[in-house]
C-alpha atoms as a PDB file:
ATOM      1  CA  MET A   1      32.175 -18.732  -3.366  1.00  0.00           C
ATOM      2  CA  GLY A   2      33.121 -22.039  -1.814  1.00  0.00           C
ATOM      3  CA  GLU A   3      34.029 -23.490  -5.212  1.00  0.00           C
ATOM      4  CA  PHE A   4      36.043 -20.349  -5.999  1.00  0.00           C
ATOM      5  CA  LEU A   5      38.088 -20.717  -2.789  1.00  0.00           C
ATOM      6  CA  ALA A   6      38.523 -24.459  -3.288  1.00  0.00           C
ATOM      7  CA  LYS A   7      40.018 -23.853  -6.735  1.00  0.00           C
ATOM      8  CA  GLN A   8      42.530 -21.532  -5.088  1.00  0.00           C
ATOM      9  CA  GLY A   9      43.750 -24.417  -2.971  1.00  0.00           C
ATOM     10  CA  HIS A  10      41.884 -23.734   0.259  1.00  0.00           C
ATOM     11  CA  GLU A  11      40.276 -26.535   2.232  1.00  0.00           C
ATOM     12  CA  VAL A  12      36.624 -25.530   2.223  1.00  0.00           C
ATOM     13  CA  LEU A  13      33.778 -26.734   4.410  1.00  0.00           C
ATOM     14  CA  GLY A  14      30.265 -25.734   3.407  1.00  0.00           C
ATOM     15  CA  SER A  15      26.684 -26.167   4.488  1.00  0.00           C
ATOM     16  CA  THR A  16      23.377 -26.820   2.823  1.00  0.00           C
ATOM     17  CA  THR A  17      19.852 -27.107   4.202  1.00  0.00           C
ATOM     18  CA  HIS A  18      18.994 -29.894   1.739  1.00  0.00           C
ATOM     19  CA  LYS A  19      20.649 -33.305   1.960  1.00  0.00           C
ATOM     20  CA  GLU A  20      20.237 -33.940  -1.776  1.00  0.00           C
ATOM     21  CA  LYS A  21      22.601 -31.002  -2.471  1.00  0.00           C
ATOM     22  CA  LEU A  22      25.549 -32.554  -0.626  1.00  0.00           C
ATOM     23  CA  PRO A  23      26.829 -34.268  -3.816  1.00  0.00           C
ATOM     24  CA  GLN A  24      26.839 -30.873  -5.552  1.00  0.00           C
ATOM     25  CA  LEU A  25      29.084 -29.470  -2.833  1.00  0.00           C
ATOM     26  CA  LYS A  26      31.411 -32.445  -3.121  1.00  0.00           C
ATOM     27  CA  ALA A  27      31.644 -31.997  -6.891  1.00  0.00           C
ATOM     28  CA  ALA A  28      32.635 -28.358  -6.273  1.00  0.00           C
ATOM     29  CA  GLY A  29      35.496 -29.414  -4.006  1.00  0.00           C
ATOM     30  CA  ILE A  30      33.625 -28.589  -0.794  1.00  0.00           C
ATOM     31  CA  GLN A  31      33.251 -30.879   2.202  1.00  0.00           C
ATOM     32  CA  GLY A  32      29.527 -30.536   2.808  1.00  0.00           C
ATOM     33  CA  PHE A  33      27.424 -30.697   5.940  1.00  0.00           C
ATOM     34  CA  LEU A  34      23.677 -30.618   6.486  1.00  0.00           C
ATOM     35  CA  PHE A  35      22.983 -27.534   8.618  1.00  0.00           C
ATOM     36  CA  LYS A  36      19.702 -25.766   9.338  1.00  0.00           C
ATOM     37  CA  LEU A  37      18.741 -22.900  11.622  1.00  0.00           C
ATOM     38  CA  ILE A  38      15.046 -23.234  12.504  1.00  0.00           C
ATOM     39  CA  PRO A  39      16.097 -21.065  14.341  1.00  0.00           C
ATOM     40  CA  MET A  40      17.929 -23.520  16.620  1.00  0.00           C
ATOM     41  CA  PRO A  41      20.774 -25.368  14.880  1.00  0.00           C
ATOM     42  CA  SER A  42      20.045 -28.831  13.525  1.00  0.00           C
ATOM     43  CA  GLY A  43      21.629 -31.160  11.019  1.00  0.00           C
ATOM     44  CA  GLU A  44      24.419 -33.738  10.876  1.00  0.00           C
ATOM     45  CA  ALA A  45      27.922 -33.187  12.314  1.00  0.00           C
ATOM     46  CA  PHE A  46      27.540 -29.476  11.616  1.00  0.00           C
ATOM     47  CA  ASN A  47      29.783 -28.495  14.522  1.00  0.00           C
ATOM     48  CA  GLN A  48      32.717 -29.378  12.259  1.00  0.00           C
ATOM     49  CA  LEU A  49      31.874 -26.267  10.241  1.00  0.00           C
ATOM     50  CA  PHE A  50      33.147 -24.180  13.136  1.00  0.00           C
ATOM     51  CA  ASN A  51      36.533 -25.927  13.363  1.00  0.00           C
ATOM     52  CA  THR A  52      38.003 -23.490  10.886  1.00  0.00           C
ATOM     53  CA  ASP A  53      40.491 -20.645  10.529  1.00  0.00           C
ATOM     54  CA  LEU A  54      37.902 -18.413   8.876  1.00  0.00           C
ATOM     55  CA  LEU A  55      34.116 -18.601   8.881  1.00  0.00           C
ATOM     56  CA  ILE A  56      32.140 -16.833   6.144  1.00  0.00           C
ATOM     57  CA  VAL A  57      28.518 -16.417   7.232  1.00  0.00           C
ATOM     58  CA  ASN A  58      26.143 -15.856   4.330  1.00  0.00           C
ATOM     59  CA  ILE A  59      22.610 -16.408   5.579  1.00  0.00           C
ATOM     60  CA  PRO A  60      20.178 -13.935   4.007  1.00  0.00           C
ATOM     61  CA  PRO A  61      16.975 -13.019   5.849  1.00  0.00           C
ATOM     62  CA  GLY A  62      13.870 -14.818   4.651  1.00  0.00           C
ATOM     63  CA  ARG A  63      11.656 -12.275   2.914  1.00  0.00           C
ATOM     64  CA  ARG A  64       8.349 -14.101   2.661  1.00  0.00           C
ATOM     65  CA  THR A  65       7.870 -16.642   5.406  1.00  0.00           C
ATOM     66  CA  GLN A  66      10.276 -15.494   8.134  1.00  0.00           C
ATOM     67  CA  THR A  67      10.106 -12.488  10.435  1.00  0.00           C
ATOM     68  CA  PRO A  68      13.036 -10.201  11.308  1.00  0.00           C
ATOM     69  CA  GLU A  69      12.925 -11.707  14.794  1.00  0.00           C
ATOM     70  CA  PHE A  70      13.409 -15.196  13.339  1.00  0.00           C
ATOM     71  CA  TYR A  71      16.497 -14.032  11.461  1.00  0.00           C
ATOM     72  CA  GLU A  72      17.837 -12.362  14.585  1.00  0.00           C
ATOM     73  CA  GLU A  73      17.503 -15.676  16.436  1.00  0.00           C
ATOM     74  CA  GLN A  74      19.330 -17.512  13.634  1.00  0.00           C
ATOM     75  CA  ILE A  75      22.290 -15.150  13.878  1.00  0.00           C
ATOM     76  CA  LYS A  76      22.200 -15.341  17.671  1.00  0.00           C
ATOM     77  CA  TYR A  77      22.787 -19.104  17.441  1.00  0.00           C
ATOM     78  CA  ILE A  78      25.587 -18.607  14.903  1.00  0.00           C
ATOM     79  CA  THR A  79      27.207 -16.162  17.324  1.00  0.00           C
ATOM     80  CA  TYR A  80      26.941 -18.718  20.129  1.00  0.00           C
ATOM     81  CA  LEU A  81      28.567 -21.431  18.002  1.00  0.00           C
ATOM     82  CA  VAL A  82      31.367 -19.082  16.913  1.00  0.00           C
ATOM     83  CA  ASN A  83      32.148 -18.241  20.532  1.00  0.00           C
ATOM     84  CA  GLN A  84      31.797 -21.844  21.679  1.00  0.00           C
ATOM     85  CA  HIS A  85      34.302 -23.073  19.074  1.00  0.00           C
ATOM     86  CA  GLN A  86      36.540 -20.003  19.374  1.00  0.00           C
ATOM     87  CA  VAL A  87      36.571 -19.393  15.629  1.00  0.00           C
ATOM     88  CA  PRO A  88      39.433 -16.894  15.169  1.00  0.00           C
ATOM     89  CA  ARG A  89      38.025 -14.854  12.255  1.00  0.00           C
ATOM     90  CA  VAL A  90      34.548 -14.238  10.852  1.00  0.00           C
ATOM     91  CA  ILE A  91      33.337 -12.511   7.697  1.00  0.00           C
ATOM     92  CA  PHE A  92      29.617 -11.738   7.918  1.00  0.00           C
ATOM     93  CA  ILE A  93      27.818 -11.051   4.644  1.00  0.00           C
ATOM     94  CA  SER A  94      25.316  -8.273   5.244  1.00  0.00           C
ATOM     95  CA  SER A  95      23.462  -5.915   2.917  1.00  0.00           C
ATOM     96  CA  THR A  96      23.364  -2.245   1.987  1.00  0.00           C
ATOM     97  CA  SER A  97      19.690  -2.398   2.983  1.00  0.00           C
ATOM     98  CA  TYR A  98      21.156  -1.661   6.435  1.00  0.00           C
ATOM     99  CA  TYR A  99      21.155   1.998   5.390  1.00  0.00           C
ATOM    100  CA  PRO A 100      18.124   4.291   5.279  1.00  0.00           C
ATOM    101  CA  ASN A 101      16.915   5.976   2.110  1.00  0.00           C
ATOM    102  CA  THR A 102      18.514   9.382   2.559  1.00  0.00           C
ATOM    103  CA  ASN A 103      18.253  10.314  -1.145  1.00  0.00           C
ATOM    104  CA  ASP A 104      21.945  11.105  -0.782  1.00  0.00           C
ATOM    105  CA  TRP A 105      25.272   9.445   0.006  1.00  0.00           C
ATOM    106  CA  VAL A 106      25.593   6.984   2.899  1.00  0.00           C
ATOM    107  CA  ASP A 107      28.767   5.435   4.280  1.00  0.00           C
ATOM    108  CA  THR A 108      29.823   2.998   6.990  1.00  0.00           C
ATOM    109  CA  ASN A 109      29.221   5.677   9.646  1.00  0.00           C
ATOM    110  CA  THR A 110      25.589   6.200   8.615  1.00  0.00           C
ATOM    111  CA  GLU A 111      23.192   4.956  11.271  1.00  0.00           C
ATOM    112  CA  PRO A 112      20.218   2.768  10.316  1.00  0.00           C
ATOM    113  CA  ASP A 113      16.734   4.251  10.408  1.00  0.00           C
ATOM    114  CA  LEU A 114      13.862   1.787  10.278  1.00  0.00           C
ATOM    115  CA  GLU A 115      11.428   4.616   9.534  1.00  0.00           C
ATOM    116  CA  GLN A 116      13.373   5.553   6.393  1.00  0.00           C
ATOM    117  CA  GLY A 117      13.840   2.156   4.778  1.00  0.00           C
ATOM    118  CA  SER A 118      16.511   0.295   6.752  1.00  0.00           C
ATOM    119  CA  SER A 119      15.873  -3.448   6.923  1.00  0.00           C
ATOM    120  CA  LYS A 120      15.070  -4.478  10.489  1.00  0.00           C
ATOM    121  CA  ALA A 121      16.299  -8.037   9.888  1.00  0.00           C
ATOM    122  CA  VAL A 122      19.665  -6.843   8.548  1.00  0.00           C
ATOM    123  CA  VAL A 123      20.127  -4.328  11.375  1.00  0.00           C
ATOM    124  CA  GLN A 124      19.282  -6.884  14.062  1.00  0.00           C
ATOM    125  CA  GLY A 125      21.407  -9.576  12.404  1.00  0.00           C
ATOM    126  CA  GLU A 126      24.449  -7.301  12.487  1.00  0.00           C
ATOM    127  CA  LYS A 127      23.702  -6.458  16.118  1.00  0.00           C
ATOM    128  CA  GLN A 128      23.816 -10.148  17.035  1.00  0.00           C
ATOM    129  CA  ILE A 129      26.944 -11.106  15.072  1.00  0.00           C
ATOM    130  CA  SER A 130      28.770  -8.133  16.603  1.00  0.00           C
ATOM    131  CA  LYS A 131      28.665 -10.037  19.899  1.00  0.00           C
ATOM    132  CA  VAL A 132      31.258 -12.555  18.706  1.00  0.00           C
ATOM    133  CA  SER A 133      34.426 -12.528  20.785  1.00  0.00           C
ATOM    134  CA  THR A 134      36.690 -12.735  17.743  1.00  0.00           C
ATOM    135  CA  GLU A 135      37.948 -10.704  14.801  1.00  0.00           C
ATOM    136  CA  LEU A 136      34.891  -9.738  12.754  1.00  0.00           C
ATOM    137  CA  LEU A 137      34.444  -8.121   9.350  1.00  0.00           C
ATOM    138  CA  ILE A 138      30.943  -7.076   8.294  1.00  0.00           C
ATOM    139  CA  CYS A 139      30.550  -6.785   4.508  1.00  0.00           C
ATOM    140  CA  ARG A 140      27.497  -4.817   3.394  1.00  0.00           C
ATOM    141  CA  CYS A 141      26.958  -5.950  -0.181  1.00  0.00           C
ATOM    142  CA  GLY A 142      25.055  -4.148  -2.893  1.00  0.00           C
ATOM    143  CA  GLY A 143      22.517  -5.770  -5.186  1.00  0.00           C
ATOM    144  CA  LEU A 144      24.017  -8.843  -6.825  1.00  0.00           C
ATOM    145  CA  MET A 145      24.360  -9.088 -10.597  1.00  0.00           C
ATOM    146  CA  GLY A 146      25.477 -12.108 -12.591  1.00  0.00           C
ATOM    147  CA  ALA A 147      24.615 -15.831 -12.471  1.00  0.00           C
ATOM    148  CA  GLY A 148      21.142 -15.187 -13.855  1.00  0.00           C
ATOM    149  CA  ARG A 149      20.523 -12.014 -11.835  1.00  0.00           C
ATOM    150  CA  ILE A 150      19.854  -9.464 -14.588  1.00  0.00           C
ATOM    151  CA  PRO A 151      18.443  -6.069 -13.562  1.00  0.00           C
ATOM    152  CA  GLY A 152      15.455  -5.021 -15.638  1.00  0.00           C
ATOM    153  CA  ARG A 153      14.493  -8.459 -16.944  1.00  0.00           C
ATOM    154  CA  TRP A 154      11.589  -8.727 -14.484  1.00  0.00           C
ATOM    155  CA  PHE A 155      10.271  -5.404 -15.810  1.00  0.00           C
ATOM    156  CA  ALA A 156      10.711  -6.267 -19.506  1.00  0.00           C
ATOM    157  CA  GLY A 157       7.862  -4.473 -21.307  1.00  0.00           C
ATOM    158  CA  LYS A 158       6.222  -3.665 -17.970  1.00  0.00           C
ATOM    159  CA  PRO A 159       5.618  -0.293 -16.315  1.00  0.00           C
ATOM    160  CA  THR A 160       8.062   0.697 -13.586  1.00  0.00           C
ATOM    161  CA  LYS A 161       9.252   3.858 -11.843  1.00  0.00           C
ATOM    162  CA  GLY A 162      12.509   5.492 -10.827  1.00  0.00           C
ATOM    163  CA  ALA A 163      14.279   5.901 -14.184  1.00  0.00           C
ATOM    164  CA  GLN A 164      16.730   8.466 -12.790  1.00  0.00           C
ATOM    165  CA  THR A 165      17.314   6.724  -9.457  1.00  0.00           C
ATOM    166  CA  PRO A 166      20.960   5.710  -8.796  1.00  0.00           C
ATOM    167  CA  VAL A 167      21.689   2.039  -8.146  1.00  0.00           C
ATOM    168  CA  ASN A 168      24.051   0.121  -5.857  1.00  0.00           C
ATOM    169  CA  TYR A 169      25.183  -3.099  -7.542  1.00  0.00           C
ATOM    170  CA  ILE A 170      28.108  -5.492  -7.521  1.00  0.00           C
ATOM    171  CA  HIS A 171      28.758  -8.365  -9.907  1.00  0.00           C
ATOM    172  CA  GLN A 172      29.044 -11.883  -8.525  1.00  0.00           C
ATOM    173  CA  GLN A 173      32.503 -12.386 -10.029  1.00  0.00           C
ATOM    174  CA  ASP A 174      33.757  -9.099  -8.594  1.00  0.00           C
ATOM    175  CA  LEU A 175      32.315 -10.010  -5.202  1.00  0.00           C
ATOM    176  CA  MET A 176      34.070 -13.388  -5.172  1.00  0.00           C
ATOM    177  CA  GLU A 177      37.376 -11.723  -6.059  1.00  0.00           C
ATOM    178  CA  VAL A 178      36.913  -9.182  -3.265  1.00  0.00           C
ATOM    179  CA  LEU A 179      35.953 -11.775  -0.631  1.00  0.00           C
ATOM    180  CA  SER A 180      38.856 -13.998  -1.643  1.00  0.00           C
ATOM    181  CA  HIS A 181      41.197 -11.013  -1.283  1.00  0.00           C
ATOM    182  CA  LEU A 182      39.777 -10.232   2.161  1.00  0.00           C
ATOM    183  CA  ALA A 183      39.957 -13.874   3.249  1.00  0.00           C
ATOM    184  CA  ASN A 184      43.659 -13.934   2.425  1.00  0.00           C
ATOM    185  CA  GLN A 185      44.448 -10.719   4.291  1.00  0.00           C
ATOM    186  CA  GLU A 186      46.165 -11.175   7.642  1.00  0.00           C
ATOM    187  CA  LYS A 187      44.412  -8.148   9.114  1.00  0.00           C
ATOM    188  CA  TRP A 188      41.404  -6.136   8.044  1.00  0.00           C
ATOM    189  CA  ASP A 189      41.674  -2.368   7.869  1.00  0.00           C
ATOM    190  CA  ALA A 190      38.156  -1.666   9.133  1.00  0.00           C
ATOM    191  CA  PRO A 191      35.375  -3.612  10.902  1.00  0.00           C
ATOM    192  CA  VAL A 192      32.759  -2.732   8.255  1.00  0.00           C
ATOM    193  CA  MET A 193      33.061  -2.457   4.460  1.00  0.00           C
ATOM    194  CA  ASN A 194      30.606  -1.556   1.710  1.00  0.00           C
ATOM    195  CA  LEU A 195      31.099  -4.039  -1.132  1.00  0.00           C
ATOM    196  CA  VAL A 196      29.448  -2.197  -3.989  1.00  0.00           C
ATOM    197  CA  SER A 197      30.615  -0.839  -7.322  1.00  0.00           C
ATOM    198  CA  PRO A 198      32.042   2.692  -7.000  1.00  0.00           C
ATOM    199  CA  GLU A 199      29.935   3.590 -10.057  1.00  0.00           C
ATOM    200  CA  HIS A 200      26.253   4.460  -9.487  1.00  0.00           C
ATOM    201  CA  PRO A 201      24.469   4.775 -12.828  1.00  0.00           C
ATOM    202  CA  VAL A 202      20.700   5.292 -12.789  1.00  0.00           C
ATOM    203  CA  ARG A 203      18.167   2.490 -13.166  1.00  0.00           C
ATOM    204  CA  LYS A 204      17.266   3.432 -16.743  1.00  0.00           C
ATOM    205  CA  GLU A 205      20.900   3.226 -17.887  1.00  0.00           C
ATOM    206  CA  VAL A 206      21.422  -0.190 -16.300  1.00  0.00           C
ATOM    207  CA  HIS A 207      18.094  -1.752 -17.269  1.00  0.00           C
ATOM    208  CA  GLU A 208      18.302  -0.624 -20.886  1.00  0.00           C
ATOM    209  CA  ALA A 209      21.929  -1.747 -21.165  1.00  0.00           C
ATOM    210  CA  MET A 210      20.873  -5.178 -19.880  1.00  0.00           C
ATOM    211  CA  ALA A 211      17.874  -5.262 -22.267  1.00  0.00           C
ATOM    212  CA  LYS A 212      20.189  -4.635 -25.214  1.00  0.00           C
ATOM    213  CA  LYS A 213      22.791  -7.156 -24.054  1.00  0.00           C
ATOM    214  CA  TYR A 214      20.357  -9.965 -23.197  1.00  0.00           C
ATOM    215  CA  ASP A 215      17.760  -9.195 -25.869  1.00  0.00           C
ATOM    216  CA  PHE A 216      14.637  -8.402 -23.889  1.00  0.00           C
ATOM    217  CA  GLU A 217      12.193  -5.504 -24.082  1.00  0.00           C
ATOM    218  CA  SER A 218      13.032  -2.346 -22.139  1.00  0.00           C
ATOM    219  CA  PRO A 219      10.791  -1.396 -19.200  1.00  0.00           C
ATOM    220  CA  GLN A 220       8.072   1.244 -19.652  1.00  0.00           C
ATOM    221  CA  TRP A 221       9.227   4.162 -17.518  1.00  0.00           C
ATOM    222  CA  GLN A 222       6.619   6.037 -15.524  1.00  0.00           C
ATOM    223  CA  GLU A 223       6.663   8.924 -13.060  1.00  0.00           C
ATOM    224  CA  PRO A 224       8.207   9.609 -10.656  1.00  0.00           C
ATOM    225  CA  GLU A 225      11.670   9.511 -12.210  1.00  0.00           C
ATOM    226  CA  VAL A 226      13.321   9.442  -8.788  1.00  0.00           C
ATOM    227  CA  ILE A 227      12.115   7.174  -5.980  1.00  0.00           C
ATOM    228  CA  PRO A 228      13.485   6.917  -2.383  1.00  0.00           C
ATOM    229  CA  HIS A 229      17.092   5.732  -2.545  1.00  0.00           C
ATOM    230  CA  LYS A 230      20.634   6.063  -1.271  1.00  0.00           C
ATOM    231  CA  LYS A 231      24.051   6.089  -2.891  1.00  0.00           C
ATOM    232  CA  VAL A 232      26.340   3.760  -0.971  1.00  0.00           C
ATOM    233  CA  ARG A 233      29.925   4.937  -0.761  1.00  0.00           C
ATOM    234  CA  SER A 234      32.064   1.977  -1.806  1.00  0.00           C
ATOM    235  CA  SER A 235      34.931   0.688   0.339  1.00  0.00           C
ATOM    236  CA  LEU A 236      36.554  -0.991  -2.655  1.00  0.00           C
ATOM    237  CA  SER A 237      38.804   1.923  -3.557  1.00  0.00           C
ATOM    238  CA  LYS A 238      40.980   0.780  -0.639  1.00  0.00           C
ATOM    239  CA  LEU A 239      41.669  -2.512  -2.420  1.00  0.00           C
ATOM    240  CA  ASP A 240      43.962  -2.984  -5.404  1.00  0.00           C
ATOM    241  CA  LEU A 241      41.222  -4.562  -7.510  1.00  0.00           C
ATOM    242  CA  THR A 242      39.351  -3.579 -10.667  1.00  0.00           C
ATOM    243  CA  ILE A 243      35.589  -3.313 -10.141  1.00  0.00           C
ATOM    244  CA  LEU A 244      33.383  -2.789 -13.186  1.00  0.00           C
ATOM    245  CA  SER A 245      30.482  -0.392 -13.504  1.00  0.00           C
ATOM    246  CA  PRO A 246      27.054  -2.097 -13.574  1.00  0.00           C
ATOM    247  CA  ILE A 247      26.601  -0.854 -17.143  1.00  0.00           C
ATOM    248  CA  ASP A 248      29.655  -2.852 -18.219  1.00  0.00           C
ATOM    249  CA  TYR A 249      28.342  -6.150 -16.826  1.00  0.00           C
END
């Protein structure tokens, strides 16, 4: 995303948690800084990251080694730094895992329900970033496709369930186009958006389309055909952009 914005002529600052990756950022046209949240901020000259017109926060929760409470603390420190530096605008990259599995449509007004599948880390992270005293846009993104993320490849030739379960995906290239469009807008129409393809094919359609395109064995579908899920109502119809169906990726 940083490289994409840099190619558009923006001055881009970016962070990494590994010093050896700083040359990669530089090669992509990004002024890089070492920045870690453990959960307190640490690094080198990272406060410069917050001297910006727009801050895009994309820090996913750790799934294996970190607790939801750890993630909440990370976002709490980001919120403090945003307020301390009076960053005028913030885009926070969240996830559609904010929503519970209703087995039906959900939209930006749907409340989370931790008993029905909402991610505690995502819910608490949004709660913390909402405390910024600035203009904030929360983008709840669907499952990411592209750049090596190919649905179904993990299950190639393996048994899996949920063949007729609808999916919520967005392609990396589409997502970069959308975020760039939002970054260039003077004012956002709503405080929360669902960045997901408006098309919701079922898992079997997507996985078998990917198997054919990338030449791997289709999964072995088992019962039940439908597993707990939700269909996320996309906010992208409000934008004058073309978003592909996951089958067309």
